Protein backbone atom coordinates (compact mmCIF):
# COMPACT_ATOMS: atom_id res chain seq x y z
CA MET A 1 27.85 17.01 12.31
CA GLN A 2 24.17 17.67 12.92
CA HIS A 3 22.67 15.40 15.59
CA HIS A 4 19.00 14.49 16.02
CA ASP A 5 16.92 12.23 18.21
CA VAL A 6 15.90 10.15 15.18
CA ILE A 7 16.49 10.08 11.44
CA VAL A 8 13.84 8.68 9.10
CA LEU A 9 15.36 7.27 5.94
CA GLY A 10 12.72 7.53 3.19
CA LEU A 11 9.69 9.85 3.31
CA GLY A 12 7.26 7.90 1.17
CA SER A 13 4.09 6.37 2.56
CA MET A 14 5.50 4.67 5.67
CA GLY A 15 8.38 7.03 6.36
CA GLY A 16 6.15 10.07 6.16
CA ALA A 17 3.75 8.51 8.65
CA ALA A 18 6.62 7.63 10.98
CA ALA A 19 8.03 11.17 10.82
CA ASN A 20 4.59 12.57 11.59
CA GLU A 21 4.06 10.31 14.60
CA LEU A 22 7.57 10.79 15.97
CA ALA A 23 7.29 14.58 15.70
CA ALA A 24 3.94 14.40 17.48
CA ARG A 25 5.71 12.67 20.37
CA GLY A 26 8.11 15.56 20.69
CA LEU A 27 11.24 14.05 19.14
CA ASP A 28 13.75 15.99 17.07
CA VAL A 29 13.18 14.32 13.70
CA LEU A 30 15.23 14.55 10.51
CA GLY A 31 13.66 12.99 7.43
CA LEU A 32 15.65 12.29 4.25
CA GLU A 33 14.08 11.53 0.87
CA SER A 34 15.62 11.03 -2.58
CA PHE A 35 12.65 12.43 -4.50
CA THR A 36 9.93 15.06 -4.11
CA PRO A 37 6.87 14.64 -1.88
CA GLY A 38 4.24 12.39 -3.51
CA HIS A 39 6.58 11.32 -6.35
CA ASP A 40 5.80 8.59 -8.90
CA GLN A 41 9.04 6.60 -8.79
CA GLY A 42 8.07 4.04 -6.15
CA SER A 43 4.89 2.48 -4.78
CA ALA A 44 2.73 5.40 -3.61
CA HIS A 45 1.18 6.91 -6.72
CA GLY A 46 -1.59 6.28 -9.22
CA GLY A 47 -4.40 8.23 -7.58
CA THR A 48 -6.04 5.47 -5.50
CA ARG A 49 -5.29 2.58 -3.16
CA ILE A 50 -7.86 0.14 -1.74
CA VAL A 51 -8.74 0.11 1.94
CA ARG A 52 -10.67 -2.86 3.33
CA GLN A 53 -11.11 -4.82 6.54
CA SER A 54 -12.32 -8.31 5.53
CA TYR A 55 -8.74 -9.28 4.86
CA PHE A 56 -8.26 -12.49 2.88
CA GLU A 57 -4.48 -12.37 3.38
CA SER A 58 -4.99 -13.30 7.05
CA PRO A 59 -7.46 -12.47 9.82
CA GLU A 60 -4.43 -11.41 11.89
CA TYR A 61 -4.36 -8.12 9.98
CA VAL A 62 -7.84 -7.02 11.05
CA PRO A 63 -6.96 -5.40 14.42
CA LEU A 64 -4.28 -3.36 12.66
CA LEU A 65 -6.77 -2.33 10.00
CA ARG A 66 -9.20 -1.09 12.60
CA ARG A 67 -6.44 1.00 14.16
CA ALA A 68 -5.41 2.24 10.70
CA TYR A 69 -8.92 3.52 9.98
CA GLU A 70 -8.71 5.65 13.13
CA GLY A 71 -5.46 7.03 11.80
CA TRP A 72 -6.92 7.85 8.39
CA TYR A 73 -9.64 9.96 9.97
CA ARG A 74 -7.08 11.67 12.22
CA LEU A 75 -4.76 12.46 9.31
CA GLU A 76 -7.65 13.91 7.31
CA ALA A 77 -8.55 16.16 10.22
CA GLU A 78 -4.96 17.26 10.84
CA SER A 79 -4.09 17.89 7.21
CA GLY A 80 -7.38 19.24 5.88
CA ARG A 81 -6.94 16.99 2.83
CA ASP A 82 -9.52 14.65 1.32
CA LEU A 83 -7.91 11.23 1.74
CA LEU A 84 -10.48 8.48 2.47
CA THR A 85 -13.63 7.53 0.55
CA LEU A 86 -15.74 4.56 1.64
CA CYS A 87 -17.67 3.39 -1.42
CA GLY A 88 -17.84 -0.28 -0.38
CA GLY A 89 -15.81 -3.29 -1.49
CA ILE A 90 -16.65 -6.59 -3.16
CA TYR A 91 -14.40 -9.67 -3.26
CA VAL A 92 -15.46 -12.20 -5.89
CA GLY A 93 -14.37 -15.78 -6.53
CA ASP A 94 -15.36 -19.40 -6.68
CA PRO A 95 -16.40 -20.74 -3.26
CA ALA A 96 -12.92 -22.13 -2.50
CA SER A 97 -10.91 -19.14 -3.73
CA PRO A 98 -8.79 -17.25 -1.18
CA THR A 99 -10.29 -13.96 -2.40
CA TYR A 100 -13.80 -14.97 -1.36
CA ALA A 101 -13.25 -17.62 1.30
CA GLY A 102 -10.43 -15.74 3.00
CA SER A 103 -12.41 -12.51 3.11
CA ARG A 104 -15.39 -14.33 4.60
CA LEU A 105 -13.19 -16.01 7.21
CA ALA A 106 -11.75 -12.67 8.35
CA ALA A 107 -15.18 -11.03 8.43
CA GLU A 108 -16.77 -13.83 10.44
CA GLN A 109 -13.84 -14.26 12.82
CA HIS A 110 -13.81 -10.55 13.72
CA GLY A 111 -17.54 -9.83 13.52
CA LEU A 112 -17.24 -7.38 10.62
CA ASP A 113 -20.40 -6.17 8.92
CA HIS A 114 -20.69 -7.93 5.57
CA GLU A 115 -23.03 -9.52 3.05
CA VAL A 116 -22.60 -12.75 1.08
CA LEU A 117 -23.80 -12.55 -2.54
CA ASP A 118 -24.25 -15.23 -5.19
CA ALA A 119 -23.61 -14.62 -8.89
CA ALA A 120 -27.17 -13.56 -9.66
CA GLU A 121 -27.15 -11.03 -6.84
CA ILE A 122 -23.75 -9.68 -7.91
CA ARG A 123 -25.13 -9.06 -11.40
CA ARG A 124 -28.29 -7.44 -10.04
CA ARG A 125 -26.49 -5.15 -7.59
CA PHE A 126 -23.56 -4.30 -9.87
CA PRO A 127 -24.53 -4.61 -13.55
CA THR A 128 -21.02 -3.75 -14.69
CA MET A 129 -20.04 -7.28 -13.59
CA ASP A 130 -20.77 -10.68 -15.11
CA PRO A 131 -19.06 -13.24 -12.83
CA ALA A 132 -18.96 -16.99 -13.35
CA ASP A 133 -22.23 -18.76 -12.55
CA ASP A 134 -20.76 -20.44 -9.45
CA ALA A 135 -19.05 -17.28 -8.19
CA MET A 136 -19.69 -15.93 -4.71
CA ALA A 137 -18.79 -12.57 -3.22
CA LEU A 138 -18.32 -10.91 0.10
CA TYR A 139 -19.45 -7.29 0.15
CA GLU A 140 -18.46 -4.87 2.91
CA SER A 141 -19.57 -1.26 3.17
CA ALA A 142 -16.52 -0.26 5.27
CA ALA A 143 -14.19 -0.47 2.27
CA GLY A 144 -13.13 2.04 -0.33
CA TYR A 145 -10.01 3.89 -1.29
CA VAL A 146 -7.43 6.42 -0.18
CA ARG A 147 -5.45 8.91 -2.23
CA PRO A 148 -1.75 7.90 -2.06
CA GLU A 149 -0.06 11.06 -3.31
CA GLU A 150 -2.28 13.21 -1.10
CA THR A 151 -1.51 10.94 1.86
CA VAL A 152 2.25 11.24 1.48
CA ILE A 153 2.02 15.01 1.15
CA ALA A 154 -0.37 15.22 4.10
CA ASN A 155 1.96 13.30 6.42
CA THR A 156 5.00 15.35 5.48
CA GLU A 157 3.14 18.65 5.77
CA VAL A 158 1.78 17.76 9.19
CA ALA A 159 5.14 16.39 10.35
CA ALA A 160 6.85 19.64 9.34
CA ARG A 161 4.24 21.67 11.21
CA LYS A 162 5.02 19.58 14.28
CA GLY A 163 8.71 20.47 14.02
CA ALA A 164 10.26 17.73 11.85
CA THR A 165 13.09 18.75 9.54
CA LEU A 166 12.45 17.16 6.14
CA ARG A 167 14.99 17.21 3.33
CA PHE A 168 13.85 16.20 -0.17
CA GLY A 169 16.03 15.49 -3.19
CA GLU A 170 18.77 14.19 -0.90
CA ARG A 171 19.60 10.55 -1.47
CA VAL A 172 21.13 8.53 1.34
CA GLN A 173 24.40 6.93 0.27
CA ARG A 174 24.91 4.82 3.37
CA TRP A 175 24.11 4.51 7.03
CA SER A 176 25.94 2.80 9.87
CA ALA A 177 25.58 2.07 13.55
CA THR A 178 28.07 3.93 15.72
CA PRO A 179 30.03 2.46 18.65
CA GLY A 180 28.10 4.55 21.17
CA GLY A 181 24.78 3.04 20.15
CA GLY A 182 23.63 5.73 17.75
CA VAL A 183 23.66 5.96 13.96
CA GLU A 184 25.37 7.94 11.24
CA VAL A 185 23.82 8.72 7.85
CA VAL A 186 25.76 9.98 4.85
CA THR A 187 24.31 11.85 1.84
CA PRO A 188 26.00 13.98 -0.85
CA GLU A 189 25.05 17.00 1.25
CA GLY A 190 26.66 15.90 4.50
CA THR A 191 26.77 13.53 7.44
CA TYR A 192 24.06 13.37 10.08
CA GLY A 193 24.00 11.68 13.47
CA ALA A 194 21.11 10.45 15.59
CA ASP A 195 20.31 8.29 18.56
CA ARG A 196 17.85 6.23 16.55
CA LEU A 197 17.10 5.41 12.91
CA VAL A 198 13.94 4.41 11.03
CA VAL A 199 14.55 2.76 7.66
CA THR A 200 11.54 2.83 5.30
CA PRO A 201 13.22 2.37 1.92
CA GLY A 202 10.42 0.93 -0.22
CA ALA A 203 11.81 -0.78 -3.30
CA TRP A 204 15.32 0.26 -2.29
CA ALA A 205 15.27 -2.11 0.72
CA PRO A 206 17.89 -4.48 -0.75
CA GLN A 207 20.30 -1.55 -1.18
CA MET A 208 19.60 0.05 2.20
CA LEU A 209 19.55 -3.19 4.22
CA PRO A 210 22.13 -5.39 2.45
CA GLU A 211 23.47 -6.89 5.66
CA LEU A 212 20.12 -8.61 6.29
CA GLU A 213 20.07 -10.36 2.90
CA LEU A 214 16.29 -10.14 2.87
CA PRO A 215 14.84 -12.28 0.04
CA LEU A 216 12.69 -9.46 -1.33
CA SER A 217 11.68 -9.31 -4.98
CA VAL A 218 11.25 -5.85 -6.50
CA GLU A 219 8.59 -6.16 -9.21
CA ARG A 220 7.42 -3.82 -11.96
CA MET A 221 3.62 -3.67 -11.93
CA VAL A 222 1.22 -1.94 -14.31
CA PHE A 223 -2.24 -0.54 -13.71
CA TYR A 224 -4.67 0.72 -16.33
CA TRP A 225 -7.67 2.99 -16.80
CA PHE A 226 -10.13 1.75 -19.44
CA THR A 227 -13.18 3.50 -20.87
CA PRO A 228 -16.47 1.61 -20.32
CA ASP A 229 -19.33 1.32 -22.77
CA THR A 230 -21.82 3.63 -21.08
CA ASP A 231 -24.51 2.87 -23.64
CA ALA A 232 -24.58 -0.73 -22.40
CA VAL A 233 -24.30 0.20 -18.70
CA PRO A 234 -25.08 3.81 -17.69
CA VAL A 235 -22.14 5.91 -16.58
CA GLU A 236 -23.46 6.35 -13.05
CA ARG A 237 -23.22 2.60 -12.45
CA TRP A 238 -19.44 2.84 -12.93
CA SER A 239 -19.07 5.78 -10.52
CA GLN A 240 -18.01 5.72 -6.88
CA GLU A 241 -21.54 6.62 -5.88
CA GLN A 242 -22.79 3.22 -7.12
CA HIS A 243 -19.73 1.02 -7.67
CA PRO A 244 -17.44 -0.53 -5.03
CA VAL A 245 -13.74 -1.23 -5.15
CA TYR A 246 -13.27 -4.86 -6.15
CA ILE A 247 -10.97 -7.88 -6.13
CA GLU A 248 -11.70 -11.03 -8.16
CA GLU A 249 -10.14 -14.39 -8.85
CA THR A 250 -12.23 -17.35 -10.02
CA HIS A 251 -10.91 -20.85 -10.69
CA GLY A 252 -7.32 -19.58 -10.80
CA ASN A 253 -7.78 -17.02 -13.57
CA GLY A 254 -5.39 -14.51 -11.97
CA GLN A 255 -6.40 -12.07 -9.26
CA ILE A 256 -7.35 -8.58 -10.41
CA TYR A 257 -8.31 -5.53 -8.39
CA GLY A 258 -9.64 -2.09 -9.14
CA PHE A 259 -11.74 0.96 -8.47
CA PRO A 260 -14.85 2.75 -9.68
CA MET A 261 -14.49 5.87 -11.79
CA THR A 262 -13.20 8.16 -9.06
CA ASP A 263 -12.49 11.16 -11.31
CA GLY A 264 -15.45 11.10 -13.69
CA PRO A 265 -15.78 9.49 -17.12
CA ALA A 266 -12.67 11.20 -18.49
CA GLY A 267 -10.57 9.52 -15.80
CA GLY A 268 -11.52 5.97 -16.77
CA PHE A 269 -12.13 2.80 -14.78
CA LYS A 270 -8.96 1.58 -13.05
CA LEU A 271 -7.78 -2.01 -12.68
CA GLY A 272 -4.72 -4.21 -12.68
CA TYR A 273 -3.40 -7.66 -11.91
CA PHE A 274 -2.52 -8.00 -8.24
CA HIS A 275 0.56 -10.12 -8.94
CA LEU A 276 1.75 -10.29 -12.52
CA GLY A 277 4.96 -8.37 -12.17
CA THR A 278 8.43 -8.73 -13.61
CA PRO A 279 11.63 -8.39 -11.55
CA THR A 280 13.27 -4.99 -11.90
CA ASP A 281 15.88 -2.60 -10.56
CA PRO A 282 14.14 0.40 -8.93
CA ASP A 283 16.73 2.71 -10.51
CA ALA A 284 16.19 1.31 -14.02
CA VAL A 285 12.46 0.59 -14.36
CA ASP A 286 10.93 0.24 -17.82
CA ARG A 287 8.21 2.89 -17.56
CA VAL A 288 6.79 2.16 -21.02
CA VAL A 289 3.58 0.12 -20.98
CA HIS A 290 3.70 -2.19 -23.98
CA SER A 291 0.83 -3.15 -26.28
CA ASP A 292 0.96 -6.85 -25.37
CA GLU A 293 0.60 -5.96 -21.68
CA THR A 294 -2.44 -3.82 -22.41
CA ALA A 295 -3.98 -6.55 -24.57
CA GLU A 296 -3.56 -9.12 -21.78
CA MET A 297 -5.12 -6.78 -19.24
CA ARG A 298 -8.03 -6.12 -21.59
CA ARG A 299 -8.58 -9.87 -22.11
CA ARG A 300 -8.66 -10.51 -18.38
CA ALA A 301 -10.80 -7.47 -17.58
CA LEU A 302 -13.51 -8.57 -20.01
CA GLU A 303 -13.96 -11.82 -18.08
CA LEU A 304 -15.57 -9.83 -15.27
CA PHE A 305 -16.50 -6.58 -17.01
CA PRO A 306 -17.86 -7.43 -20.50
CA HIS A 307 -18.65 -3.78 -21.23
CA LEU A 308 -15.18 -2.43 -20.48
CA THR A 309 -14.56 -2.13 -24.20
CA GLY A 310 -13.52 1.48 -24.75
CA PRO A 311 -10.07 2.99 -25.24
CA VAL A 312 -7.32 2.98 -22.65
CA VAL A 313 -7.24 6.38 -20.95
CA GLN A 314 -3.79 5.81 -19.47
CA ALA A 315 -1.51 3.17 -17.95
CA LYS A 316 1.25 3.53 -15.38
CA THR A 317 3.93 1.46 -13.75
CA CYS A 318 4.67 1.12 -10.05
CA LEU A 319 6.82 -1.10 -7.83
CA TYR A 320 5.95 -3.92 -5.46
CA THR A 321 8.57 -5.11 -2.97
CA VAL A 322 7.47 -8.65 -2.24
CA ALA A 323 8.43 -10.95 0.63
CA PRO A 324 8.36 -14.73 0.01
CA ASP A 325 5.26 -15.16 2.20
CA GLU A 326 3.80 -11.79 1.10
CA HIS A 327 3.66 -10.57 4.70
CA PHE A 328 5.31 -7.31 5.75
CA VAL A 329 8.74 -6.88 7.29
CA ILE A 330 8.43 -4.63 10.35
CA GLY A 331 10.45 -4.66 13.53
CA THR A 332 13.71 -3.83 15.21
CA HIS A 333 16.77 -4.42 13.06
CA PRO A 334 18.11 -7.88 13.97
CA LEU A 335 21.66 -6.53 14.32
CA HIS A 336 21.07 -3.03 15.71
CA ASP A 337 18.53 -2.33 18.44
CA GLN A 338 18.57 1.39 17.72
CA VAL A 339 17.20 0.86 14.19
CA ALA A 340 13.58 0.14 13.24
CA ILE A 341 12.76 -1.16 9.76
CA ALA A 342 9.62 -1.42 7.64
CA CYS A 343 9.66 -2.82 4.11
CA GLY A 344 8.43 -5.72 1.97
CA PHE A 345 4.81 -4.56 1.88
CA SER A 346 4.14 -6.93 -1.03
CA GLY A 347 1.60 -4.79 -2.84
CA HIS A 348 -0.98 -4.58 -0.05
CA GLY A 349 0.55 -2.26 2.54
CA PHE A 350 -0.75 1.21 1.79
CA LYS A 351 -4.00 0.84 3.70
CA PHE A 352 -1.89 0.39 6.86
CA VAL A 353 0.05 3.66 6.54
CA PRO A 354 -1.20 5.37 9.74
CA VAL A 355 -0.76 2.33 11.98
CA VAL A 356 2.69 1.52 10.55
CA GLY A 357 3.74 5.05 11.46
CA GLU A 358 2.51 4.41 14.98
CA ILE A 359 4.31 1.05 15.19
CA LEU A 360 7.59 2.57 14.01
CA ALA A 361 7.27 5.37 16.55
CA ASP A 362 6.66 2.80 19.30
CA LEU A 363 9.72 0.78 18.27
CA THR A 364 11.82 3.94 18.17
CA THR A 365 10.77 5.36 21.51
CA ASP A 366 10.11 2.17 23.51
CA GLY A 367 11.90 -0.60 21.63
CA THR A 368 8.62 -2.53 21.44
CA THR A 369 4.93 -2.06 20.61
CA ASP A 370 1.63 -3.32 21.99
CA LEU A 371 0.25 -3.61 18.47
CA PRO A 372 0.23 -7.14 17.00
CA ILE A 373 3.19 -7.38 14.62
CA GLY A 374 4.42 -10.93 15.19
CA LEU A 375 3.45 -11.87 11.63
CA PHE A 376 5.98 -9.34 10.32
CA ASP A 377 9.05 -10.34 12.33
CA PRO A 378 12.27 -9.66 10.36
CA ARG A 379 13.72 -12.76 12.03
CA ARG A 380 11.04 -15.19 10.82
CA PRO A 381 12.41 -18.31 9.11
CA VAL A 382 11.23 -17.45 5.60
CA LEU A 383 13.49 -14.37 5.64
CA ARG A 384 16.59 -16.07 6.95
CA PRO A 385 19.48 -16.28 4.43
C-alpha cells in the first residue's frame, strides 16, 4: 500500500489550494479527484466568481478576505494564468437590506475604501441600472471577479510542479481512520495510506462525511447570460471596463448577483439568483435549464436592468452546499484529529480559495491555525445532529 504524508480528497477549488500549499511546505501529497481538472460537475465553473471585501455576510470574514487577496496575486504569479480582475463592485438595496447595510457595516468596521451612492447617483454612474427610488448602494473599487476553472487548473498545475502526486478520474469509495492514528483511503484503483487527510468534498460532503451528520443542503442553482439592448445603453457601459460586479436585493425581492460582460458582447451579461435553488443529488442533477426558470430570471433581472431584453446566450447549472447558518464548515474533524475538513461553502466560498488552502495546510501540519476560523467550527451548535 502506498503511503504519503497527507492525502487530499477532492481537487476542486479548496482541495487544489490545499494540495498546492501542502506541497509548498514540503509534504508528500497525494491528491484524488473523481473528475478532470476544472470540471463542470460541481461548484467551480461558469467562467466567473465574485471577489469582494465589504462583506455583508459578516464583518468577521474581512481579515480572511484580505489574506485571500494576497493569495490570489501569489497564485497568478506562480501559475502565469490570468485569474483576478478588479472592476469594482456595487451592492444595492433599500437602506435596511442586508445587502446594503451589511456591506456598509463591514466596510466601516474595517476601514475599507468605499463610496455610498443614492439611487440617482447609481443611475448616473451605471446607466444599465434603474434601482428603486429609495435604494442605496455601497461601491468598492477593490472588488471584481476571478476565473474559477482557471483557478482550479492553476492550483493543481503548481501543486504538481512542487511535487504533489495528483490522480484524476479516480473516485474515492471510502476512507477510514487507522488504529495507529493515520488514515486509509480506498478507490477502485487501490488503497492508499497517509498520516493525515484533508477532506474537501464539495457537494459530496454528506457522502464523504456521513458520521458527522452535517445538516447540509445540496442545491441545484442556475446562472444565465442575457443579451442587453445596446441601442438603449451603449455596449461599453456593460463591459468590465465600465461596469462593476453587482449584488442587489430591495424590499425582499430576492437577492441577485452578476457580472459585466467579461467576454465581449457575444458572451452576454451574466446573472443569477443567489439563493433560489432546489434540493438535488450531486450524482443526479437535472442539467436542463427549463423555460419557466429562464422566464423568472428575466422578470427579476428587468427590475434592476430594464434594458436586459435580448436573447439568452446560455444558461448553466451548478451546485451550492449550504449550511443552516450559511457559514462555512472548516476545522479538524470532531472525531479524528488527523483529518481536516472544509465544506458547506454555501454559495459564497470561492473568493476565499487561497486562504482556505492555507488554513487546511495549517490544520494538517500544526493541528491549529492563527487565522480566524471560529465562525466555521464543525462543532458549532447549528451543525449538531
